[in-house]
PDB file of N, CA and C in Angstrom:
ATOM      1  N   UNK A   1      28.278  81.744 -12.482  1.00  0.00           N
ATOM      2  CA  UNK A   1      27.886  80.588 -11.570  1.00  0.00           C
ATOM      3  C   UNK A   1      26.400  80.979 -11.055  1.00  0.00           C
ATOM      4  N   UNK A   2      25.394  80.378 -11.635  1.00  0.00           N
ATOM      5  CA  UNK A   2      24.075  80.315 -11.242  1.00  0.00           C
ATOM      6  C   UNK A   2      24.047  80.406  -9.576  1.00  0.00           C
ATOM      7  N   UNK A   3      22.796  80.877  -9.206  1.00  0.00           N
ATOM      8  CA  UNK A   3      22.575  80.901  -7.889  1.00  0.00           C
ATOM      9  C   UNK A   3      21.002  80.210  -7.631  1.00  0.00           C
ATOM     10  N   UNK A   4      21.141  79.334  -6.375  1.00  0.00           N
ATOM     11  CA  UNK A   4      20.003  79.082  -6.036  1.00  0.00           C
ATOM     12  C   UNK A   4      19.339  79.855  -5.648  1.00  0.00           C
ATOM     13  N   UNK A   5      17.914  79.930  -6.163  1.00  0.00           N
ATOM     14  CA  UNK A   5      16.864  81.134  -5.668  1.00  0.00           C
ATOM     15  C   UNK A   5      15.697  80.283  -5.055  1.00  0.00           C
ATOM     16  N   UNK A   6      15.470  79.064  -5.178  1.00  0.00           N
ATOM     17  CA  UNK A   6      14.474  78.212  -4.631  1.00  0.00           C
ATOM     18  C   UNK A   6      14.655  76.845  -4.533  1.00  0.00           C
ATOM     19  N   UNK A   7      14.055  76.387  -3.527  1.00  0.00           N
ATOM     20  CA  UNK A   7      14.116  74.665  -3.164  1.00  0.00           C
ATOM     21  C   UNK A   7      12.796  74.086  -3.906  1.00  0.00           C
ATOM     22  N   UNK A   8      12.758  73.257  -4.792  1.00  0.00           N
ATOM     23  CA  UNK A   8      11.691  72.591  -5.534  1.00  0.00           C
ATOM     24  C   UNK A   8      11.324  71.622  -4.542  1.00  0.00           C
ATOM     25  N   UNK A   9       9.882  71.578  -4.208  1.00  0.00           N
ATOM     26  CA  UNK A   9       9.156  70.513  -3.077  1.00  0.00           C
ATOM     27  C   UNK A   9       8.032  69.981  -3.476  1.00  0.00           C
ATOM     28  N   UNK A  10       7.776  68.696  -3.596  1.00  0.00           N
ATOM     29  CA  UNK A  10       6.743  68.051  -3.861  1.00  0.00           C
ATOM     30  C   UNK A  10       5.948  67.453  -2.630  1.00  0.00           C
ATOM     31  N   UNK A  11       4.430  67.514  -2.667  1.00  0.00           N
ATOM     32  CA  UNK A  11       3.706  67.198  -1.628  1.00  0.00           C
ATOM     33  C   UNK A  11       3.614  65.415  -2.128  1.00  0.00           C
ATOM     34  N   UNK A  12       3.757  64.375  -1.356  1.00  0.00           N
ATOM     35  CA  UNK A  12       3.953  63.051  -1.665  1.00  0.00           C
ATOM     36  C   UNK A  12       3.054  62.433  -0.721  1.00  0.00           C
ATOM     37  N   UNK A  13       2.239  63.026   0.108  1.00  0.00           N
ATOM     38  CA  UNK A  13       1.101  62.128   0.845  1.00  0.00           C
ATOM     39  C   UNK A  13       0.968  63.127   1.917  1.00  0.00           C
ATOM     40  N   UNK A  14       0.291  62.230   2.967  1.00  0.00           N
ATOM     41  CA  UNK A  14      -0.077  62.943   4.267  1.00  0.00           C
ATOM     42  C   UNK A  14       0.154  61.831   5.551  1.00  0.00           C
ATOM     43  N   UNK A  15       0.048  62.478   6.684  1.00  0.00           N
ATOM     44  CA  UNK A  15       0.609  61.721   7.765  1.00  0.00           C
ATOM     45  C   UNK A  15      -0.399  62.502   9.155  1.00  0.00           C
ATOM     46  N   UNK A  16      -0.677  61.903  10.201  1.00  0.00           N
ATOM     47  CA  UNK A  16      -1.221  62.376  11.420  1.00  0.00           C
ATOM     48  C   UNK A  16      -0.174  62.575  12.126  1.00  0.00           C
ATOM     49  N   UNK A  17      -0.410  63.775  12.753  1.00  0.00           N
ATOM     50  CA  UNK A  17       0.841  64.457  13.990  1.00  0.00           C
ATOM     51  C   UNK A  17       0.325  63.665  15.073  1.00  0.00           C
ATOM     52  N   UNK A  18       1.086  63.999  16.401  1.00  0.00           N
ATOM     53  CA  UNK A  18       0.678  63.481  17.478  1.00  0.00           C
ATOM     54  C   UNK A  18      -0.696  63.927  18.289  1.00  0.00           C
ATOM     55  N   UNK A  19      -1.138  65.257  17.700  1.00  0.00           N
ATOM     56  CA  UNK A  19      -2.515  65.955  18.365  1.00  0.00           C
ATOM     57  C   UNK A  19      -3.399  65.652  17.164  1.00  0.00           C
ATOM     58  N   UNK A  20      -3.289  64.369  16.427  1.00  0.00           N
ATOM     59  CA  UNK A  20      -4.410  64.113  15.409  1.00  0.00           C
ATOM     60  C   UNK A  20      -4.768  65.053  14.356  1.00  0.00           C
ATOM     61  N   UNK A  21      -3.939  65.973  13.972  1.00  0.00           N
ATOM     62  CA  UNK A  21      -4.143  66.828  12.945  1.00  0.00           C
ATOM     63  C   UNK A  21      -3.530  66.171  11.644  1.00  0.00           C
ATOM     64  N   UNK A  22      -3.967  66.374  10.539  1.00  0.00           N
ATOM     65  CA  UNK A  22      -3.484  65.635   9.161  1.00  0.00           C
ATOM     66  C   UNK A  22      -2.525  66.791   8.659  1.00  0.00           C
ATOM     67  N   UNK A  23      -1.517  66.400   8.325  1.00  0.00           N
ATOM     68  CA  UNK A  23      -0.379  67.086   7.682  1.00  0.00           C
ATOM     69  C   UNK A  23       0.098  66.697   6.325  1.00  0.00           C
ATOM     70  N   UNK A  24       0.422  67.386   5.603  1.00  0.00           N
ATOM     71  CA  UNK A  24       1.051  67.110   4.019  1.00  0.00           C
ATOM     72  C   UNK A  24       2.547  66.521   4.277  1.00  0.00           C
ATOM     73  N   UNK A  25       2.832  65.740   3.622  1.00  0.00           N
ATOM     74  CA  UNK A  25       4.112  65.152   3.744  1.00  0.00           C
ATOM     75  C   UNK A  25       4.879  65.611   2.515  1.00  0.00           C
ATOM     76  N   UNK A  26       6.114  66.469   2.722  1.00  0.00           N
ATOM     77  CA  UNK A  26       7.029  66.998   1.776  1.00  0.00           C
ATOM     78  C   UNK A  26       8.109  66.226   1.572  1.00  0.00           C
ATOM     79  N   UNK A  27       8.446  66.482   0.376  1.00  0.00           N
ATOM     80  CA  UNK A  27       9.999  65.986  -0.043  1.00  0.00           C
ATOM     81  C   UNK A  27      10.766  66.942  -0.908  1.00  0.00           C
ATOM     82  N   UNK A  28      12.059  67.449  -0.580  1.00  0.00           N
ATOM     83  CA  UNK A  28      12.591  68.441  -1.449  1.00  0.00           C
ATOM     84  C   UNK A  28      13.206  67.391  -2.558  1.00  0.00           C
ATOM     85  N   UNK A  29      12.937  67.836  -3.776  1.00  0.00           N
ATOM     86  CA  UNK A  29      13.084  67.115  -4.933  1.00  0.00           C
ATOM     87  C   UNK A  29      14.131  67.824  -6.028  1.00  0.00           C
ATOM     88  N   UNK A  30      14.735  69.055  -5.408  1.00  0.00           N
ATOM     89  CA  UNK A  30      15.714  69.663  -6.590  1.00  0.00           C
ATOM     90  C   UNK A  30      15.871  71.142  -5.962  1.00  0.00           C
ATOM     91  N   UNK A  31      16.474  71.868  -7.055  1.00  0.00           N
ATOM     92  CA  UNK A  31      16.297  73.568  -6.916  1.00  0.00           C
ATOM     93  C   UNK A  31      16.062  74.064  -8.152  1.00  0.00           C
ATOM     94  N   UNK A  32      15.772  75.421  -8.169  1.00  0.00           N
ATOM     95  CA  UNK A  32      15.895  76.376  -9.254  1.00  0.00           C
ATOM     96  C   UNK A  32      16.940  77.292  -8.897  1.00  0.00           C
ATOM     97  N   UNK A  33      17.683  77.712 -10.191  1.00  0.00           N
ATOM     98  CA  UNK A  33      18.746  78.309 -10.188  1.00  0.00           C
ATOM     99  C   UNK A  33      18.372  79.667 -11.148  1.00  0.00           C
ATOM    100  N   UNK A  34      19.208  80.580 -11.079  1.00  0.00           N
ATOM    101  CA  UNK A  34      19.005  81.822 -11.525  1.00  0.00           C
ATOM    102  C   UNK A  34      20.118  82.215 -12.386  1.00  0.00           C
ATOM    103  N   UNK A  35      20.279  82.811 -13.840  1.00  0.00           N
ATOM    104  CA  UNK A  35      21.330  82.704 -14.586  1.00  0.00           C
ATOM    105  C   UNK A  35      22.190  84.341 -13.882  1.00  0.00           C
ATOM    106  N   UNK A  36      23.410  84.160 -13.878  1.00  0.00           N
ATOM    107  CA  UNK A  36      24.031  85.412 -13.670  1.00  0.00           C
ATOM    108  C   UNK A  36      23.494  86.796 -13.966  1.00  0.00           C
ATOM    109  N   UNK A  37      23.248  86.762 -15.271  1.00  0.00           N
ATOM    110  CA  UNK A  37      22.610  87.782 -15.783  1.00  0.00           C
ATOM    111  C   UNK A  37      21.073  88.200 -15.489  1.00  0.00           C
ATOM    112  N   UNK A  38      20.363  86.881 -14.996  1.00  0.00           N
ATOM    113  CA  UNK A  38      19.052  87.205 -14.597  1.00  0.00           C
ATOM    114  C   UNK A  38      18.051  87.097 -15.620  1.00  0.00           C
ATOM    115  N   UNK A  39      18.570  86.380 -16.619  1.00  0.00           N
ATOM    116  CA  UNK A  39      17.603  86.309 -17.844  1.00  0.00           C
ATOM    117  C   UNK A  39      16.980  85.033 -18.101  1.00  0.00           C
ATOM    118  N   UNK A  40      17.258  83.823 -17.278  1.00  0.00           N
ATOM    119  CA  UNK A  40      16.727  82.696 -17.227  1.00  0.00           C
ATOM    120  C   UNK A  40      16.632  81.852 -15.868  1.00  0.00           C
ATOM    121  N   UNK A  41      16.108  80.908 -15.770  1.00  0.00           N
ATOM    122  CA  UNK A  41      15.802  80.122 -14.591  1.00  0.00           C
ATOM    123  C   UNK A  41      15.998  78.703 -14.826  1.00  0.00           C
ATOM    124  N   UNK A  42      16.754  77.985 -14.257  1.00  0.00           N
ATOM    125  CA  UNK A  42      16.762  76.457 -14.749  1.00  0.00           C
ATOM    126  C   UNK A  42      16.385  75.758 -13.320  1.00  0.00           C
ATOM    127  N   UNK A  43      15.729  74.488 -13.437  1.00  0.00           N
ATOM    128  CA  UNK A  43      15.266  73.631 -12.583  1.00  0.00           C
ATOM    129  C   UNK A  43      16.237  72.586 -12.608  1.00  0.00           C
ATOM    130  N   UNK A  44      16.889  72.143 -11.421  1.00  0.00           N
ATOM    131  CA  UNK A  44      17.715  70.856 -11.264  1.00  0.00           C
ATOM    132  C   UNK A  44      17.007  69.889 -10.489  1.00  0.00           C
ATOM    133  N   UNK A  45      16.442  68.719 -10.934  1.00  0.00           N
ATOM    134  CA  UNK A  45      15.803  67.666 -10.124  1.00  0.00           C
ATOM    135  C   UNK A  45      17.032  66.755  -9.636  1.00  0.00           C
ATOM    136  N   UNK A  46      16.976  66.539  -8.301  1.00  0.00           N
ATOM    137  CA  UNK A  46      17.370  65.694  -7.652  1.00  0.00           C
ATOM    138  C   UNK A  46      16.761  64.135  -7.745  1.00  0.00           C
ATOM    139  N   UNK A  47      15.682  64.265  -7.575  1.00  0.00           N
ATOM    140  CA  UNK A  47      14.821  63.091  -7.535  1.00  0.00           C
ATOM    141  C   UNK A  47      13.313  63.387  -8.181  1.00  0.00           C
ATOM    142  N   UNK A  48      12.520  62.400  -8.444  1.00  0.00           N
ATOM    143  CA  UNK A  48      11.333  62.573  -9.078  1.00  0.00           C
ATOM    144  C   UNK A  48      10.537  61.833  -8.174  1.00  0.00           C
ATOM    145  N   UNK A  49       9.573  62.241  -7.693  1.00  0.00           N
ATOM    146  CA  UNK A  49       8.508  61.614  -6.835  1.00  0.00           C
ATOM    147  C   UNK A  49       7.488  60.736  -7.551  1.00  0.00           C
ATOM    148  N   UNK A  50       7.294  59.722  -6.797  1.00  0.00           N
ATOM    149  CA  UNK A  50       6.391  58.623  -7.641  1.00  0.00           C
ATOM    150  C   UNK A  50       5.439  58.379  -6.780  1.00  0.00           C
ATOM    151  N   UNK A  51       4.226  57.486  -7.025  1.00  0.00           N
ATOM    152  CA  UNK A  51       3.322  56.942  -6.543  1.00  0.00           C
ATOM    153  C   UNK A  51       1.980  57.620  -6.569  1.00  0.00           C
ATOM    154  N   UNK A  52       1.186  56.870  -6.056  1.00  0.00           N
ATOM    155  CA  UNK A  52      -0.433  57.649  -6.457  1.00  0.00           C
ATOM    156  C   UNK A  52      -0.755  58.813  -5.690  1.00  0.00           C
ATOM    157  N   UNK A  53      -0.135  59.202  -4.791  1.00  0.00           N
ATOM    158  CA  UNK A  53      -0.309  60.383  -3.799  1.00  0.00           C
ATOM    159  C   UNK A  53       0.467  61.760  -4.058  1.00  0.00           C
ATOM    160  N   UNK A  54       1.166  61.521  -5.204  1.00  0.00           N
ATOM    161  CA  UNK A  54       1.721  62.733  -5.893  1.00  0.00           C
ATOM    162  C   UNK A  54       1.098  63.337  -6.814  1.00  0.00           C
ATOM    163  N   UNK A  55       0.597  64.403  -6.613  1.00  0.00           N
ATOM    164  CA  UNK A  55      -0.554  65.188  -7.691  1.00  0.00           C
ATOM    165  C   UNK A  55       0.155  65.569  -9.364  1.00  0.00           C
ATOM    166  N   UNK A  56       1.638  65.553  -9.154  1.00  0.00           N
ATOM    167  CA  UNK A  56       2.205  65.994 -10.332  1.00  0.00           C
ATOM    168  C   UNK A  56       2.775  67.429 -10.157  1.00  0.00           C
ATOM    169  N   UNK A  57       2.632  68.135  -9.134  1.00  0.00           N
ATOM    170  CA  UNK A  57       2.721  69.778  -9.036  1.00  0.00           C
ATOM    171  C   UNK A  57       3.942  69.494  -8.134  1.00  0.00           C
ATOM    172  N   UNK A  58       5.066  70.514  -8.300  1.00  0.00           N
ATOM    173  CA  UNK A  58       6.115  70.999  -7.783  1.00  0.00           C
ATOM    174  C   UNK A  58       6.057  72.324  -7.248  1.00  0.00           C
ATOM    175  N   UNK A  59       6.304  72.671  -6.286  1.00  0.00           N
ATOM    176  CA  UNK A  59       6.335  74.185  -5.450  1.00  0.00           C
ATOM    177  C   UNK A  59       7.645  74.432  -5.595  1.00  0.00           C
ATOM    178  N   UNK A  60       7.597  75.822  -5.492  1.00  0.00           N
ATOM    179  CA  UNK A  60       8.836  76.371  -5.258  1.00  0.00           C
ATOM    180  C   UNK A  60       9.101  77.498  -3.975  1.00  0.00           C
ATOM    181  N   UNK A  61      10.036  77.124  -2.828  1.00  0.00           N
ATOM    182  CA  UNK A  61       9.986  78.010  -1.667  1.00  0.00           C
ATOM    183  C   UNK A  61      11.472  78.627  -1.693  1.00  0.00           C
ATOM    184  N   UNK A  62      11.339  79.722  -1.204  1.00  0.00           N
ATOM    185  CA  UNK A  62      12.793  80.179  -0.626  1.00  0.00           C
ATOM    186  C   UNK A  62      13.750  79.356   0.125  1.00  0.00           C
ATOM    187  N   UNK A  63      14.646  79.096   0.173  1.00  0.00           N
ATOM    188  CA  UNK A  63      15.459  78.311   0.869  1.00  0.00           C
ATOM    189  C   UNK A  63      15.841  78.755   2.387  1.00  0.00           C
ATOM    190  N   UNK A  64      15.770  77.831   3.036  1.00  0.00           N
ATOM    191  CA  UNK A  64      15.904  78.188   4.695  1.00  0.00           C
ATOM    192  C   UNK A  64      17.268  78.172   4.968  1.00  0.00           C
ATOM    193  N   UNK A  65      17.740  79.209   5.630  1.00  0.00           N
ATOM    194  CA  UNK A  65      19.081  78.968   6.357  1.00  0.00           C
ATOM    195  C   UNK A  65      19.332  77.784   7.149  1.00  0.00           C
ATOM    196  N   UNK A  66      20.252  77.029   6.821  1.00  0.00           N
ATOM    197  CA  UNK A  66      20.789  75.889   7.445  1.00  0.00           C
ATOM    198  C   UNK A  66      21.453  76.194   8.685  1.00  0.00           C
ATOM    199  N   UNK A  67      20.968  75.511   9.715  1.00  0.00           N
ATOM    200  CA  UNK A  67      21.456  75.630  10.944  1.00  0.00           C
ATOM    201  C   UNK A  67      22.646  74.619  11.092  1.00  0.00           C
ATOM    202  N   UNK A  68      23.557  75.120  11.609  1.00  0.00           N
ATOM    203  CA  UNK A  68      24.818  74.354  11.884  1.00  0.00           C
ATOM    204  C   UNK A  68      25.110  73.655  13.360  1.00  0.00           C
ATOM    205  N   UNK A  69      25.096  72.463  13.017  1.00  0.00           N
ATOM    206  CA  UNK A  69      25.506  71.766  14.622  1.00  0.00           C
ATOM    207  C   UNK A  69      26.987  72.330  15.190  1.00  0.00           C
ATOM    208  N   UNK A  70      27.037  72.174  16.266  1.00  0.00           N
ATOM    209  CA  UNK A  70      28.506  72.700  16.809  1.00  0.00           C
ATOM    210  C   UNK A  70      29.554  72.332  16.029  1.00  0.00           C
ATOM    211  N   UNK A  71      29.594  71.038  15.704  1.00  0.00           N
ATOM    212  CA  UNK A  71      30.672  70.175  15.091  1.00  0.00           C
ATOM    213  C   UNK A  71      30.981  70.854  13.756  1.00  0.00           C
ATOM    214  N   UNK A  72      29.910  71.209  12.920  1.00  0.00           N
ATOM    215  CA  UNK A  72      29.660  71.828  11.653  1.00  0.00           C
ATOM    216  C   UNK A  72      30.308  73.179  11.663  1.00  0.00           C
ATOM    217  N   UNK A  73      29.956  73.925  12.769  1.00  0.00           N
ATOM    218  CA  UNK A  73      30.435  75.464  12.871  1.00  0.00           C
ATOM    219  C   UNK A  73      31.740  75.303  13.260  1.00  0.00           C
ATOM    220  N   UNK A  74      32.535  74.387  14.184  1.00  0.00           N
ATOM    221  CA  UNK A  74      33.886  74.125  14.551  1.00  0.00           C
ATOM    222  C   UNK A  74      34.758  74.025  13.218  1.00  0.00           C
ATOM    223  N   UNK A  75      34.533  73.100  12.306  1.00  0.00           N
ATOM    224  CA  UNK A  75      34.737  72.724  10.996  1.00  0.00           C
ATOM    225  C   UNK A  75      34.737  74.108  10.074  1.00  0.00           C
ATOM    226  N   UNK A  76      33.613  74.640  10.180  1.00  0.00           N
ATOM    227  CA  UNK A  76      33.776  75.827   9.350  1.00  0.00           C
ATOM    228  C   UNK A  76      34.774  76.912   9.815  1.00  0.00           C
ATOM    229  N   UNK A  77      34.959  77.101  11.052  1.00  0.00           N
ATOM    230  CA  UNK A  77      35.702  78.166  11.579  1.00  0.00           C
ATOM    231  C   UNK A  77      37.308  77.527  11.337  1.00  0.00           C
ATOM    232  N   UNK A  78      37.731  76.132  11.399  1.00  0.00           N
ATOM    233  CA  UNK A  78      39.047  75.841  11.104  1.00  0.00           C
ATOM    234  C   UNK A  78      39.149  76.024   9.382  1.00  0.00           C
ATOM    235  N   UNK A  79      38.152  75.463   8.575  1.00  0.00           N
ATOM    236  CA  UNK A  79      38.465  75.848   7.303  1.00  0.00           C
ATOM    237  C   UNK A  79      38.835  77.333   7.066  1.00  0.00           C
ATOM    238  N   UNK A  80      38.145  78.370   7.559  1.00  0.00           N
ATOM    239  CA  UNK A  80      38.258  79.469   7.291  1.00  0.00           C
ATOM    240  C   UNK A  80      39.740  79.864   7.686  1.00  0.00           C
ATOM    241  N   UNK A  81      40.106  79.148   8.892  1.00  0.00           N
ATOM    242  CA  UNK A  81      41.561  79.606   9.207  1.00  0.00           C
ATOM    243  C   UNK A  81      42.592  78.917   8.683  1.00  0.00           C
ATOM    244  N   UNK A  82      42.136  78.068   7.574  1.00  0.00           N
ATOM    245  CA  UNK A  82      43.370  77.393   6.793  1.00  0.00           C
ATOM    246  C   UNK A  82      43.557  76.277   7.612  1.00  0.00           C
ATOM    247  N   UNK A  83      42.931  75.651   8.525  1.00  0.00           N
ATOM    248  CA  UNK A  83      43.009  74.260   9.322  1.00  0.00           C
ATOM    249  C   UNK A  83      44.273  74.474  10.237  1.00  0.00           C
ATOM    250  N   UNK A  84      44.563  75.637  10.428  1.00  0.00           N
ATOM    251  CA  UNK A  84      45.818  75.972  11.761  1.00  0.00           C
ATOM    252  C   UNK A  84      45.159  75.971  12.876  1.00  0.00           C
ATOM    253  N   UNK A  85      46.282  75.402  13.770  1.00  0.00           N
ATOM    254  CA  UNK A  85      45.775  75.091  15.122  1.00  0.00           C
ATOM    255  C   UNK A  85      45.395  76.593  15.834  1.00  0.00           C
ATOM    256  N   UNK A  86      44.202  76.541  16.669  1.00  0.00           N
ATOM    257  CA  UNK A  86      43.792  77.773  17.361  1.00  0.00           C
ATOM    258  C   UNK A  86      44.965  78.053  18.510  1.00  0.00           C
ATOM    259  N   UNK A  87      45.479  78.910  18.824  1.00  0.00           N
ATOM    260  CA  UNK A  87      46.331  79.364  19.670  1.00  0.00           C
ATOM    261  C   UNK A  87      45.960  79.424  21.061  1.00  0.00           C
ATOM    262  N   UNK A  88      44.438  79.797  20.967  1.00  0.00           N
ATOM    263  CA  UNK A  88      43.875  79.623  22.433  1.00  0.00           C
ATOM    264  C   UNK A  88      43.310  78.009  23.020  1.00  0.00           C
ATOM    265  N   UNK A  89      43.557  77.308  22.006  1.00  0.00           N
ATOM    266  CA  UNK A  89      43.122  75.795  22.067  1.00  0.00           C
ATOM    267  C   UNK A  89      44.194  75.164  23.103  1.00  0.00           C
ATOM    268  N   UNK A  90      43.734  74.604  24.178  1.00  0.00           N
ATOM    269  CA  UNK A  90      44.448  73.513  25.092  1.00  0.00           C
ATOM    270  C   UNK A  90      45.509  72.557  24.281  1.00  0.00           C
ATOM    271  N   UNK A  91      45.033  72.241  22.965  1.00  0.00           N
ATOM    272  CA  UNK A  91      45.759  71.454  22.377  1.00  0.00           C
ATOM    273  C   UNK A  91      46.380  71.970  21.265  1.00  0.00           C
ATOM    274  N   UNK A  92      46.463  73.482  21.360  1.00  0.00           N
ATOM    275  CA  UNK A  92      47.616  74.122  20.363  1.00  0.00           C
ATOM    276  C   UNK A  92      49.030  73.823  20.209  1.00  0.00           C
ATOM    277  N   UNK A  93      49.411  73.412  21.532  1.00  0.00           N
ATOM    278  CA  UNK A  93      50.704  72.988  21.902  1.00  0.00           C
ATOM    279  C   UNK A  93      50.912  71.411  21.475  1.00  0.00           C
ATOM    280  N   UNK A  94      50.162  70.521  21.485  1.00  0.00           N
ATOM    281  CA  UNK A  94      50.176  69.162  21.158  1.00  0.00           C
ATOM    282  C   UNK A  94      49.465  68.443  22.269  1.00  0.00           C
ATOM    283  N   UNK A  95      49.708  67.283  22.404  1.00  0.00           N
ATOM    284  CA  UNK A  95      48.853  66.405  23.045  1.00  0.00           C
ATOM    285  C   UNK A  95      49.529  66.493  24.581  1.00  0.00           C
ATOM    286  N   UNK A  96      50.746  67.010  24.876  1.00  0.00           N
ATOM    287  CA  UNK A  96      51.377  66.896  26.207  1.00  0.00           C
ATOM    288  C   UNK A  96      50.687  68.237  26.836  1.00  0.00           C
ATOM    289  N   UNK A  97      49.960  68.979  26.429  1.00  0.00           N
ATOM    290  CA  UNK A  97      49.551  70.101  27.027  1.00  0.00           C
ATOM    291  C   UNK A  97      48.390  69.535  27.602  1.00  0.00           C
ATOM    292  N   UNK A  98      47.838  68.498  27.376  1.00  0.00           N
ATOM    293  CA  UNK A  98      46.604  67.785  28.061  1.00  0.00           C
ATOM    294  C   UNK A  98      46.899  66.599  29.377  1.00  0.00           C
ATOM    295  N   UNK A  99      47.811  66.773  29.576  1.00  0.00           N
ATOM    296  CA  UNK A  99      48.156  65.519  30.498  1.00  0.00           C
ATOM    297  C   UNK A  99      47.337  65.758  31.694  1.00  0.00           C
ATOM    298  N   UNK A 100      47.193  66.911  32.168  1.00  0.00           N
ATOM    299  CA  UNK A 100      46.346  67.340  33.751  1.00  0.00           C
ATOM    300  C   UNK A 100      45.164  66.880  33.400  1.00  0.00           C
ATOM    301  N   UNK A 101      44.319  66.752  32.300  1.00  0.00           N
ATOM    302  CA  UNK A 101      43.143  66.495  32.235  1.00  0.00           C
ATOM    303  C   UNK A 101      42.739  65.136  31.936  1.00  0.00           C
ATOM    304  N   UNK A 102      43.725  64.512  31.660  1.00  0.00           N
ATOM    305  CA  UNK A 102      43.562  62.877  31.423  1.00  0.00           C
ATOM    306  C   UNK A 102      43.414  62.080  32.818  1.00  0.00           C
ATOM    307  N   UNK A 103      42.293  61.521  32.839  1.00  0.00           N
ATOM    308  CA  UNK A 103      41.681  60.687  34.147  1.00  0.00           C
ATOM    309  C   UNK A 103      42.472  59.475  34.488  1.00  0.00           C
ATOM    310  N   UNK A 104      43.373  58.964  33.851  1.00  0.00           N
ATOM    311  CA  UNK A 104      44.145  57.821  34.417  1.00  0.00           C
ATOM    312  C   UNK A 104      45.742  58.191  34.437  1.00  0.00           C
TER     313      UNK A 104
END
């Protein structure tokens, strides 16, 4: 299975930040993958930038690690556990174990 080695990114314009500095506006347009044997690379485009501000160039950057929200982290942990209930959770025994915390 090929592995992702770069994000493909295009500069599609500029904007002014709150301090008045002009910054480039980037959009992720795809990814570069390397074959298992390392002999070739492939570019997979997910979108093609258009408009007069796109220069025609696509740059490649190493992917940044994704930060997970608490909900995504909990889902990842549950998936790794085969979606089995956590024995330390208040809800592990079912909804009846939470009666004391219901405010009505």
